């Protein structure tokens, strides 16, 4: 995904028109770019300036998207360490496109003392693999994301030097329009007049006077004047906000998919390693057969020599069972060896039976984590699951307790606040445990999809003494069905009961429960947005 100089021009005009004199509250970085928190006209705005080769650009992001970026890409850059000290408290003066290219400069002013005012510039070169960000103070480079040295580049970008922009784009008929934009316009009649008109609308007047639409071609996004295209296209009301949806899909979405695939692979390996530890009926049958053979050998007359024997009628053995006694070994000696093997297999079987509840609990927890991973999940929720799943050892944190500081919400717990009360949704195995065994009160209503792993959902009504409306129960049940493998079904059964009717069931995992008093609802799975939550 890439944005051409025409999109940079629209973003420049938009910033100058709507975000001038915005106050920088905080600046920080992740491994994919810079995050700036701005206070603008009593509104909080976060800008994400990406230097990712997959998706360089400037985006206006939500608080949730910011948390996902910091969670999924936690590594910080040296440039990010300077941001807060130099930009916090600065005011945004203007945005400026350089050379009608994919280069944007954000000019800030920071009052250091009553007589000292620093001019700080952030220059963003949004050029795919050559993407770079430089922080300047009074025209002098403080730091760059990618330093350029004289022996490897035709320009020098090092702290203490003055900034020099990259070479301009190759000459083409319409300056300020990318090759991709030209190819889009060639698909419409009256080219090249449409390209000349496009250049005029962007650079010869305020581009915000024109209504724009967004057209996506492959991995590129282009603005075109409204009315030029006959097909329906989304309106480009905010050139910083619309690309954020693309950023979430291609940057956050791909990172989530990669981590989800890795964690699912780890869960599969853990389940495969745990399965052999469960009691195996075939092992007990084998031990009993060995015991029966040993008993038969002990019944033979003394002095019988070794060799092949056929057992035709003996309890616990099939007809014509063949037994071979090694040469030089008497039947009694072979029977003693078989009795020893029988006792070893019996000990192994009894040990697996004793450990069976624990193993079943660990497998149940892993299956629950698998179901939650396959559901709608954010970067923070995925981090909570990743913390539960030991990515190095053979076993995950399936039985341990997680200490949560008082007053702090546990990871893997989502809280919703509709008008009729409070809803808690578990988004990890330990989150489910937290909701059911720590947060829930005896009269809270607990929901779970029937006979499937999934999220524990808890409803705490605003007025616990009043009866709960059927519509409210149906809404929460639809939510419980959505956060489960049943979300793809048209209808799903959901059980609900009061928390005081639940009892722990370790064999079903860290959050396993059993209950006898309950009711069920047949509902359509719906996501929180669809339910107005």
Protein backbone atom coordinates (compact mmCIF):
# COMPACT_ATOMS: atom_id res chain seq x y z
CA UNK A 1 0.00 0.00 0.00
CA UNK A 2 1.36 3.42 -0.93
CA UNK A 3 0.12 7.00 -1.15
CA UNK A 4 1.22 9.32 -3.93
CA UNK A 5 2.06 13.02 -3.73
CA UNK A 6 -1.59 13.89 -4.47
CA UNK A 7 -2.69 12.29 -1.18
CA UNK A 8 0.16 14.05 0.65
CA UNK A 9 -1.08 17.35 -0.80
CA UNK A 10 -4.61 16.72 0.50
CA UNK A 11 -3.25 15.80 3.93
CA UNK A 12 -1.14 18.97 3.99
CA UNK A 13 -4.20 21.12 3.24
CA UNK A 14 -6.31 19.24 5.78
CA UNK A 15 -3.75 19.65 8.59
CA UNK A 16 -3.36 23.38 7.87
CA UNK A 17 -7.12 23.85 7.77
CA UNK A 18 -8.19 21.81 10.82
CA UNK A 19 -5.18 21.19 13.07
CA UNK A 20 -3.26 24.45 13.12
CA UNK A 21 -1.99 25.44 16.60
CA UNK A 22 -2.67 21.95 17.95
CA UNK A 23 -0.77 21.24 21.18
CA UNK A 24 1.46 18.15 21.33
CA UNK A 25 0.67 16.24 24.53
CA UNK A 26 3.01 13.33 23.98
CA UNK A 27 5.26 11.77 21.39
CA UNK A 28 6.38 8.14 21.34
CA UNK A 29 7.31 5.43 18.89
CA UNK A 30 6.84 1.78 18.07
CA UNK A 31 8.87 -0.37 15.70
CA UNK A 32 6.67 0.70 12.74
CA UNK A 33 6.52 4.48 13.24
CA UNK A 34 5.83 7.50 15.42
CA UNK A 35 2.71 8.30 17.45
CA UNK A 36 1.82 11.90 18.26
CA UNK A 37 -0.95 12.79 20.72
CA UNK A 38 -2.36 16.22 19.91
CA UNK A 39 -4.88 18.45 21.65
CA UNK A 40 -6.80 20.30 18.95
CA UNK A 41 -9.95 22.40 19.47
CA UNK A 42 -10.71 20.55 22.72
CA UNK A 43 -10.42 17.21 20.96
CA UNK A 44 -7.75 14.55 21.41
CA UNK A 45 -6.19 13.40 18.12
CA UNK A 46 -3.50 10.78 17.59
CA UNK A 47 -1.40 10.81 14.42
CA UNK A 48 0.50 7.70 13.39
CA UNK A 49 3.41 8.42 11.04
CA UNK A 50 4.41 5.07 9.61
CA UNK A 51 7.84 4.25 8.26
CA UNK A 52 6.83 0.66 7.56
CA UNK A 53 7.85 -0.49 4.08
CA UNK A 54 4.43 -2.17 3.82
CA UNK A 55 2.49 1.02 4.47
CA UNK A 56 4.31 4.35 4.79
CA UNK A 57 2.04 7.31 5.42
CA UNK A 58 0.26 9.58 7.89
CA UNK A 59 -2.88 8.32 9.62
CA UNK A 60 -5.35 9.61 12.17
CA UNK A 61 -5.95 6.66 14.47
CA UNK A 62 -8.24 5.75 17.34
CA UNK A 63 -7.17 5.04 20.90
CA UNK A 64 -7.75 1.33 20.34
CA UNK A 65 -5.59 1.34 17.19
CA UNK A 66 -2.82 3.11 19.10
CA UNK A 67 -2.86 0.47 21.84
CA UNK A 68 -2.75 -2.26 19.20
CA UNK A 69 0.26 -0.68 17.49
CA UNK A 70 2.19 -0.32 20.74
CA UNK A 71 1.28 -3.88 21.76
CA UNK A 72 2.04 -5.55 18.42
CA UNK A 73 5.16 -3.50 17.62
CA UNK A 74 6.69 -2.72 21.05
CA UNK A 75 10.28 -2.05 20.03
CA UNK A 76 11.15 1.65 20.12
CA UNK A 77 13.62 3.55 17.96
CA UNK A 78 16.25 6.10 19.10
CA UNK A 79 14.22 8.77 17.29
CA UNK A 80 11.21 7.90 19.40
CA UNK A 81 13.18 8.50 22.59
CA UNK A 82 13.75 12.14 21.54
CA UNK A 83 10.15 12.86 20.64
CA UNK A 84 8.66 13.43 24.05
CA UNK A 85 11.45 15.72 25.22
CA UNK A 86 11.47 17.90 22.12
CA UNK A 87 7.82 17.89 21.01
CA UNK A 88 5.82 17.68 24.24
CA UNK A 89 4.33 21.14 24.82
CA UNK A 90 5.06 22.32 21.25
CA UNK A 91 2.41 23.86 18.97
CA UNK A 92 1.84 22.75 15.39
CA UNK A 93 2.37 25.77 13.12
CA UNK A 94 1.89 24.31 9.65
CA UNK A 95 2.26 21.34 7.35
CA UNK A 96 4.25 21.74 4.16
CA UNK A 97 4.67 19.42 1.17
CA UNK A 98 8.19 19.52 -0.29
CA UNK A 99 8.88 19.44 -4.05
CA UNK A 100 5.33 18.23 -4.81
CA UNK A 101 6.64 14.85 -3.72
CA UNK A 102 5.83 12.30 -1.04
CA UNK A 103 7.61 14.45 1.52
CA UNK A 104 5.79 16.28 4.31
CA UNK A 105 7.25 18.71 6.85
CA UNK A 106 5.42 19.46 10.10
CA UNK A 107 6.58 22.71 11.68
CA UNK A 108 6.32 23.08 15.47
CA UNK A 109 7.12 25.92 17.84
CA UNK A 110 8.15 25.26 21.44
CA UNK A 111 8.60 27.95 24.05
CA UNK A 112 11.56 26.94 26.23
CA UNK A 113 11.72 30.13 28.28
CA UNK A 114 10.34 33.64 28.14
CA UNK A 115 12.99 34.59 25.60
CA UNK A 116 13.84 31.28 23.88
CA UNK A 117 11.54 29.77 21.29
CA UNK A 118 12.72 26.72 19.35
CA UNK A 119 11.43 25.85 15.90
CA UNK A 120 11.23 22.10 15.55
CA UNK A 121 10.58 20.39 12.22
CA UNK A 122 9.60 16.80 11.56
CA UNK A 123 10.25 15.80 7.96
CA UNK A 124 8.61 12.62 6.67
CA UNK A 125 9.90 11.05 3.46
CA UNK A 126 7.14 8.53 2.68
CA UNK A 127 8.79 6.63 -0.15
CA UNK A 128 8.25 2.89 0.30
CA UNK A 129 11.64 1.29 1.04
CA UNK A 130 13.32 4.69 1.27
CA UNK A 131 10.90 5.96 3.92
CA UNK A 132 12.62 8.10 6.54
CA UNK A 133 11.74 10.54 9.30
CA UNK A 134 14.03 13.32 10.49
CA UNK A 135 13.68 15.56 13.54
CA UNK A 136 15.24 19.01 13.16
CA UNK A 137 15.71 21.91 15.59
CA UNK A 138 16.30 25.32 14.07
CA UNK A 139 17.25 23.65 10.79
CA UNK A 140 19.81 21.25 12.32
CA UNK A 141 19.19 17.49 12.37
CA UNK A 142 18.68 16.08 15.86
CA UNK A 143 18.08 12.48 14.79
CA UNK A 144 16.88 10.38 11.86
CA UNK A 145 15.14 7.05 11.71
CA UNK A 146 17.64 6.00 9.03
CA UNK A 147 20.99 7.73 9.08
CA UNK A 148 22.60 8.25 5.66
CA UNK A 149 26.40 8.34 5.42
CA UNK A 150 28.45 9.96 2.63
CA UNK A 151 30.07 6.68 1.56
CA UNK A 152 26.71 4.95 0.98
CA UNK A 153 24.42 7.76 -0.21
CA UNK A 154 24.38 10.84 -2.39
CA UNK A 155 23.27 12.91 0.61
CA UNK A 156 24.13 12.99 4.31
CA UNK A 157 21.55 12.70 7.08
CA UNK A 158 23.41 12.75 10.40
CA UNK A 159 22.84 14.59 13.68
CA UNK A 160 24.41 18.04 13.60
CA UNK A 161 24.09 18.44 9.80
CA UNK A 162 21.59 20.48 7.85
CA UNK A 163 18.79 18.62 6.11
CA UNK A 164 18.85 18.06 2.35
CA UNK A 165 15.78 16.56 0.60
CA UNK A 166 16.07 13.60 -1.79
CA UNK A 167 16.36 14.14 -5.51
CA UNK A 168 13.04 15.18 -7.09
CA UNK A 169 10.95 12.73 -9.10
CA UNK A 170 11.89 12.17 -12.71
CA UNK A 171 10.41 14.74 -15.04
CA UNK A 172 6.92 13.86 -16.24
CA UNK A 173 4.15 15.81 -17.99
CA UNK A 174 2.19 16.52 -14.80
CA UNK A 175 4.33 17.41 -11.77
CA UNK A 176 2.82 16.36 -8.46
CA UNK A 177 0.96 13.36 -9.86
CA UNK A 178 2.35 9.88 -9.37
CA UNK A 179 2.63 7.33 -12.16
CA UNK A 180 -0.11 5.33 -10.50
CA UNK A 181 -2.38 8.38 -10.51
CA UNK A 182 -1.66 8.94 -14.21
CA UNK A 183 -2.59 5.30 -14.95
CA UNK A 184 -5.88 5.75 -13.09
CA UNK A 185 -6.71 8.92 -15.01
CA UNK A 186 -5.86 7.25 -18.33
CA UNK A 187 -8.80 4.98 -17.72
CA UNK A 188 -11.22 7.90 -18.00
CA UNK A 189 -12.20 9.85 -21.13
CA UNK A 190 -10.63 13.22 -21.98
CA UNK A 191 -7.17 12.27 -20.80
CA UNK A 192 -4.79 14.21 -20.60
CA UNK A 193 -7.17 17.11 -19.88
CA UNK A 194 -8.35 15.28 -16.75
CA UNK A 195 -4.73 15.06 -15.52
CA UNK A 196 -4.23 18.79 -16.12
CA UNK A 197 -7.47 19.53 -14.26
CA UNK A 198 -6.37 17.27 -11.42
CA UNK A 199 -3.05 19.08 -11.16
CA UNK A 200 -4.87 22.43 -11.14
CA UNK A 201 -7.32 21.36 -8.41
CA UNK A 202 -4.51 20.13 -6.20
CA UNK A 203 -1.79 22.73 -6.58
CA UNK A 204 -3.28 25.93 -8.03
CA UNK A 205 -5.97 26.41 -5.41
CA UNK A 206 -7.11 25.12 -2.04
CA UNK A 207 -7.78 21.41 -2.76
CA UNK A 208 -10.35 21.26 0.06
CA UNK A 209 -12.74 23.36 -2.04
CA UNK A 210 -13.19 20.28 -4.22
CA UNK A 211 -15.12 17.19 -3.14
CA UNK A 212 -12.91 14.13 -3.41
CA UNK A 213 -13.50 10.41 -3.60
CA UNK A 214 -11.05 7.59 -2.91
CA UNK A 215 -10.26 4.86 -5.40
CA UNK A 216 -8.15 1.84 -4.50
CA UNK A 217 -6.10 0.10 -7.16
CA UNK A 218 -4.28 -2.95 -5.90
CA UNK A 219 -2.33 -1.73 -2.90
CA UNK A 220 -2.52 1.98 -3.74
CA UNK A 221 -5.08 4.63 -2.74
CA UNK A 222 -5.76 7.65 -4.97
CA UNK A 223 -8.02 10.71 -4.63
CA UNK A 224 -10.13 11.71 -7.63
CA UNK A 225 -12.63 14.59 -7.98
CA UNK A 226 -16.20 13.65 -7.26
CA UNK A 227 -18.17 13.02 -10.42
CA UNK A 228 -15.22 11.88 -12.49
CA UNK A 229 -15.95 8.20 -11.79
CA UNK A 230 -19.33 6.73 -12.59
CA UNK A 231 -19.05 3.87 -10.08
CA UNK A 232 -19.74 4.38 -6.39
CA UNK A 233 -16.63 5.35 -4.43
CA UNK A 234 -16.22 6.31 -0.76
CA UNK A 235 -16.11 10.05 -0.08
CA UNK A 236 -12.73 11.32 1.06
CA UNK A 237 -13.96 13.64 3.80
CA UNK A 238 -10.86 13.31 5.96
CA UNK A 239 -7.66 12.31 4.08
CA UNK A 240 -6.06 11.32 7.40
CA UNK A 241 -8.91 9.17 8.70
CA UNK A 242 -9.96 7.10 5.66
CA UNK A 243 -6.48 5.59 5.12
CA UNK A 244 -6.54 4.45 8.78
CA UNK A 245 -8.97 1.69 7.86
CA UNK A 246 -6.48 0.48 5.25
CA UNK A 247 -3.68 0.74 7.80
CA UNK A 248 -5.65 -1.37 10.28
CA UNK A 249 -6.31 -4.02 7.65
CA UNK A 250 -2.81 -4.26 6.19
CA UNK A 251 -0.55 -3.40 9.14
CA UNK A 252 -2.42 -4.33 12.31
CA UNK A 253 -4.49 -7.06 10.64
CA UNK A 254 -1.50 -8.81 9.08
CA UNK A 255 0.46 -8.65 12.35
CA UNK A 256 -2.51 -10.13 14.21
CA UNK A 257 -2.85 -12.90 11.62
CA UNK A 258 0.86 -13.76 11.86
CA UNK A 259 0.84 -13.90 15.66
CA UNK A 260 -2.46 -15.81 15.70
CA UNK A 261 -1.01 -18.42 13.34
CA UNK A 262 2.10 -18.78 15.51
CA UNK A 263 0.11 -19.18 18.72
CA UNK A 264 -2.29 -21.69 17.13
CA UNK A 265 0.73 -23.75 16.03
CA UNK A 266 2.10 -23.68 19.59
CA UNK A 267 -1.28 -24.77 21.00
CA UNK A 268 -1.42 -27.67 18.51
CA UNK A 269 2.05 -28.82 19.62
CA UNK A 270 1.10 -28.60 23.30
CA UNK A 271 -2.11 -30.57 22.81
CA UNK A 272 -0.20 -33.20 20.81
CA UNK A 273 2.35 -33.46 23.63
CA UNK A 274 -0.35 -33.78 26.31
CA UNK A 275 -2.56 -36.38 24.57
CA UNK A 276 -0.21 -39.35 25.24
CA UNK A 277 -0.28 -38.50 28.96
CA UNK A 278 -3.99 -39.40 29.20
CA UNK A 279 -4.99 -42.94 30.26
CA UNK A 280 -4.75 -45.31 27.30
CA UNK A 281 -7.12 -48.33 27.42
CA UNK A 282 -4.86 -50.16 24.97
CA UNK A 283 -2.00 -49.92 27.48
CA UNK A 284 -4.08 -51.67 30.16
CA UNK A 285 -5.21 -54.34 27.68
CA UNK A 286 -1.60 -54.96 26.69
CA UNK A 287 -0.58 -55.28 30.36
CA UNK A 288 -3.37 -57.79 31.02
CA UNK A 289 -2.37 -59.87 27.98
CA UNK A 290 1.23 -59.95 29.21
CA UNK A 291 0.02 -61.05 32.65
CA UNK A 292 -2.10 -63.84 31.13
CA UNK A 293 0.87 -65.10 29.07
CA UNK A 294 3.05 -65.04 32.20
CA UNK A 295 0.43 -67.02 34.14
CA UNK A 296 0.27 -69.59 31.32
CA UNK A 297 4.04 -70.00 31.32
CA UNK A 298 4.03 -70.53 35.07
CA UNK A 299 1.49 -73.33 34.61
CA UNK A 300 3.78 -75.35 32.34
CA UNK A 301 5.55 -78.39 33.76
CA UNK A 302 9.09 -77.86 35.00
CA UNK A 303 11.83 -78.83 32.61
CA UNK A 304 9.98 -77.61 29.54
CA UNK A 305 12.40 -76.14 27.02
CA UNK A 306 12.05 -72.83 25.21
CA UNK A 307 10.83 -72.26 21.68
CA UNK A 308 7.55 -71.41 20.03
CA UNK A 309 4.32 -72.18 21.87
CA UNK A 310 0.68 -71.85 20.79
CA UNK A 311 -1.91 -71.06 23.46
CA UNK A 312 -5.31 -72.34 22.39
CA UNK A 313 -7.52 -71.94 25.45
CA UNK A 314 -6.45 -69.61 28.26
CA UNK A 315 -8.41 -66.83 30.07
CA UNK A 316 -7.55 -63.33 28.82
CA UNK A 317 -5.90 -64.52 25.58
CA UNK A 318 -7.18 -64.96 22.07
CA UNK A 319 -7.24 -68.37 20.33
CA UNK A 320 -3.93 -69.54 18.87
CA UNK A 321 -1.81 -66.91 20.63
CA UNK A 322 1.82 -67.47 19.70
CA UNK A 323 4.51 -67.14 22.37
CA UNK A 324 8.25 -67.50 21.72
CA UNK A 325 10.60 -68.29 24.58
CA UNK A 326 14.22 -67.32 23.81
CA UNK A 327 16.72 -70.20 23.59
CA UNK A 328 18.46 -70.84 26.87
CA UNK A 329 15.54 -69.41 28.86
CA UNK A 330 13.07 -71.52 30.81
CA UNK A 331 9.34 -70.73 30.82
CA UNK A 332 9.57 -69.68 34.49
CA UNK A 333 12.34 -67.18 33.75
CA UNK A 334 10.36 -65.75 30.81
CA UNK A 335 7.25 -65.56 33.02
CA UNK A 336 9.21 -63.59 35.64
CA UNK A 337 10.37 -61.16 32.96
CA UNK A 338 6.77 -60.74 31.71
CA UNK A 339 5.43 -60.17 35.25
CA UNK A 340 8.03 -57.41 35.67
CA UNK A 341 6.91 -55.80 32.38
CA UNK A 342 3.27 -56.15 33.49
CA UNK A 343 3.97 -54.29 36.76
CA UNK A 344 5.82 -51.53 34.88
CA UNK A 345 2.90 -50.99 32.46
CA UNK A 346 0.41 -51.09 35.33
CA UNK A 347 2.32 -48.38 37.24
CA UNK A 348 2.42 -46.27 34.10
CA UNK A 349 -1.34 -46.68 33.61
CA UNK A 350 -2.15 -45.82 37.23
CA UNK A 351 0.11 -42.74 37.10
CA UNK A 352 -1.69 -41.54 33.96
CA UNK A 353 -5.05 -42.07 35.69
CA UNK A 354 -3.92 -40.04 38.71
CA UNK A 355 -2.69 -37.23 36.48
CA UNK A 356 -5.65 -37.42 34.09
CA UNK A 357 -7.73 -34.59 35.69
CA UNK A 358 -4.77 -32.21 35.49
CA UNK A 359 -3.97 -33.16 31.88
CA UNK A 360 -7.62 -32.86 30.83
CA UNK A 361 -7.73 -29.45 32.48
CA UNK A 362 -4.63 -28.30 30.59
CA UNK A 363 -6.01 -29.58 27.29
CA UNK A 364 -9.38 -27.91 27.99
CA UNK A 365 -7.60 -24.61 28.70
CA UNK A 366 -5.63 -24.88 25.46
CA UNK A 367 -8.80 -25.65 23.49
CA UNK A 368 -10.45 -22.62 25.08
CA UNK A 369 -7.46 -20.47 24.14
CA UNK A 370 -7.69 -21.83 20.59
CA UNK A 371 -11.38 -20.88 20.37
CA UNK A 372 -10.66 -17.36 21.66
CA UNK A 373 -7.77 -16.91 19.23
CA UNK A 374 -10.06 -17.74 16.32
CA UNK A 375 -12.55 -15.06 17.38
CA UNK A 376 -12.59 -11.27 17.00
CA UNK A 377 -9.48 -10.17 18.88
CA UNK A 378 -7.46 -6.98 19.27
CA UNK A 379 -3.74 -6.62 19.75
CA UNK A 380 -4.17 -6.19 23.51
CA UNK A 381 -6.36 -9.29 23.77
CA UNK A 382 -3.84 -11.26 21.75
CA UNK A 383 -1.05 -10.07 24.06
CA UNK A 384 -3.04 -11.36 27.05
CA UNK A 385 -3.39 -14.77 25.38
CA UNK A 386 0.27 -14.79 24.38
CA UNK A 387 1.24 -14.13 28.01
CA UNK A 388 -0.78 -17.20 29.04
CA UNK A 389 0.72 -19.47 26.39
CA UNK A 390 4.35 -20.31 27.12
CA UNK A 391 5.92 -19.92 23.67
CA UNK A 392 9.15 -21.65 24.74
CA UNK A 393 8.22 -24.40 27.19
CA UNK A 394 6.15 -27.49 26.61
CA UNK A 395 3.34 -26.29 28.86
CA UNK A 396 1.54 -22.99 29.07
CA UNK A 397 0.40 -21.11 32.14
CA UNK A 398 -2.72 -23.25 32.38
CA UNK A 399 -2.93 -23.59 36.13
CA UNK A 400 -1.00 -20.69 37.63
CA UNK A 401 -2.58 -17.64 39.16
CA UNK A 402 -2.01 -14.16 37.78
CA UNK A 403 -1.78 -11.43 40.39
CA UNK A 404 -3.66 -8.29 39.39
CA UNK A 405 -2.94 -5.05 41.28
CA UNK A 406 -5.93 -3.71 43.16
CA UNK A 407 -8.01 -1.32 41.06
CA UNK A 408 -6.40 -2.45 37.80
CA UNK A 409 -8.44 -4.31 35.19
CA UNK A 410 -7.09 -7.73 34.34
CA UNK A 411 -5.72 -8.43 30.86
CA UNK A 412 -8.08 -10.45 28.71
CA UNK A 413 -11.20 -8.78 30.16
CA UNK A 414 -13.42 -6.49 28.09
CA UNK A 415 -15.91 -4.28 29.91
CA UNK A 416 -18.98 -2.74 28.28
CA UNK A 417 -21.28 -0.20 29.91
CA UNK A 418 -24.75 -0.24 28.31
CA UNK A 419 -27.69 1.57 29.87
CA UNK A 420 -29.01 -1.55 31.62
CA UNK A 421 -25.81 -2.38 33.56
CA UNK A 422 -22.27 -3.62 33.10
CA UNK A 423 -21.12 -6.48 30.86
CA UNK A 424 -17.79 -8.28 31.26
CA UNK A 425 -16.42 -10.45 28.43
CA UNK A 426 -13.49 -12.84 28.88
CA UNK A 427 -11.07 -12.73 25.96
CA UNK A 428 -8.50 -15.19 27.31
CA UNK A 429 -8.54 -18.26 29.54
CA UNK A 430 -7.28 -16.29 32.53
CA UNK A 431 -9.70 -13.49 31.61
CA UNK A 432 -12.55 -16.00 31.85
CA UNK A 433 -11.24 -17.12 35.22
CA UNK A 434 -10.97 -13.51 36.39
CA UNK A 435 -14.58 -12.77 35.41
CA UNK A 436 -16.13 -15.91 36.90
CA UNK A 437 -14.12 -16.36 40.09
CA UNK A 438 -13.01 -12.85 41.00
CA UNK A 439 -15.22 -10.15 39.46
CA UNK A 440 -18.60 -11.89 39.59
CA UNK A 441 -20.97 -11.40 42.52
CA UNK A 442 -23.40 -14.17 43.58
CA UNK A 443 -26.45 -12.60 41.89
CA UNK A 444 -24.70 -11.60 38.63
CA UNK A 445 -25.93 -13.45 35.53
CA UNK A 446 -23.33 -15.66 33.82
CA UNK A 447 -23.60 -16.60 30.11
CA UNK A 448 -21.77 -19.18 27.99
CA UNK A 449 -22.39 -20.80 24.63
CA UNK A 450 -23.71 -24.35 25.03
CA UNK A 451 -21.29 -27.30 24.67
CA UNK A 452 -18.51 -25.23 23.07
CA UNK A 453 -15.43 -23.40 24.36
CA UNK A 454 -15.65 -19.63 24.34
CA UNK A 455 -15.85 -16.44 26.37
CA UNK A 456 -17.46 -16.22 29.79
CA UNK A 457 -19.86 -13.27 29.69
CA UNK A 458 -21.14 -11.66 32.88
CA UNK A 459 -24.10 -9.30 33.26
CA UNK A 460 -24.31 -7.08 36.33
CA UNK A 461 -27.71 -5.34 36.12
CA UNK A 462 -27.98 -1.72 37.15
CA UNK A 463 -30.73 -2.68 39.60
CA UNK A 464 -30.09 -6.27 40.79
CA UNK A 465 -33.43 -6.44 42.63
CA UNK A 466 -35.55 -5.72 39.54
CA UNK A 467 -36.40 -8.52 37.09
CA UNK A 468 -34.26 -8.55 33.96
CA UNK A 469 -36.11 -7.99 30.68
CA UNK A 470 -36.05 -10.80 28.11
CA UNK A 471 -34.63 -8.34 25.56
CA UNK A 472 -31.62 -7.66 27.80
CA UNK A 473 -30.96 -11.38 28.30
CA UNK A 474 -31.17 -11.92 24.53
CA UNK A 475 -28.66 -9.11 23.89
CA UNK A 476 -26.08 -10.52 26.32
CA UNK A 477 -26.67 -14.06 25.06
CA UNK A 478 -26.05 -12.87 21.47
CA UNK A 479 -22.77 -11.40 22.69
CA UNK A 480 -21.75 -14.70 24.34
CA UNK A 481 -22.54 -16.55 21.09
CA UNK A 482 -20.46 -14.05 19.10
CA UNK A 483 -17.37 -14.61 21.26
CA UNK A 484 -17.35 -18.34 20.57
CA UNK A 485 -16.92 -20.77 17.63
CA UNK A 486 -20.70 -20.46 17.06
CA UNK A 487 -20.35 -16.91 15.68
CA UNK A 488 -20.56 -18.23 12.10
CA UNK A 489 -23.87 -20.02 12.79
CA UNK A 490 -27.27 -18.44 12.13
CA UNK A 491 -28.49 -19.47 15.60
CA UNK A 492 -26.80 -20.78 18.74
CA UNK A 493 -27.91 -22.01 22.16
CA UNK A 494 -26.55 -20.05 25.12
CA UNK A 495 -26.85 -21.15 28.76
CA UNK A 496 -27.26 -18.58 31.52
CA UNK A 497 -27.50 -18.80 35.29
CA UNK A 498 -26.63 -16.84 38.42
CA UNK A 499 -23.01 -16.94 39.48
CA UNK A 500 -23.91 -18.60 42.79
CA UNK A 501 -24.98 -21.71 40.83
CA UNK A 502 -21.50 -22.27 39.40
CA UNK A 503 -18.88 -24.64 40.81
CA UNK A 504 -15.25 -24.97 39.69
CA UNK A 505 -14.44 -27.93 37.44
CA UNK A 506 -10.63 -28.16 37.05
CA UNK A 507 -10.92 -30.90 34.41
CA UNK A 508 -12.40 -28.28 32.08
CA UNK A 509 -9.45 -25.89 32.44
CA UNK A 510 -8.50 -22.93 34.61
CA UNK A 511 -11.94 -21.38 34.08
CA UNK A 512 -13.89 -24.67 33.94
CA UNK A 513 -17.25 -24.68 35.69
CA UNK A 514 -20.19 -27.01 36.23
CA UNK A 515 -23.79 -26.06 36.87
CA UNK A 516 -27.15 -27.82 37.18
CA UNK A 517 -29.55 -24.89 37.54
CA UNK A 518 -29.70 -22.91 34.31
CA UNK A 519 -31.85 -21.73 31.41
CA UNK A 520 -31.04 -21.58 27.69
CA UNK A 521 -31.77 -19.10 24.92
CA UNK A 522 -31.61 -19.69 21.16
CA UNK A 523 -30.12 -16.45 19.75
CA UNK A 524 -28.39 -15.04 16.69
CA UNK A 525 -24.68 -14.26 17.31
CA UNK A 526 -24.07 -10.51 17.05
CA UNK A 527 -20.98 -8.37 17.58
CA UNK A 528 -20.97 -5.48 20.11
CA UNK A 529 -21.26 -2.86 17.36
CA UNK A 530 -24.32 -4.52 15.89
CA UNK A 531 -25.89 -4.64 19.35
CA UNK A 532 -25.15 -0.96 19.97
CA UNK A 533 -22.61 -1.70 22.70
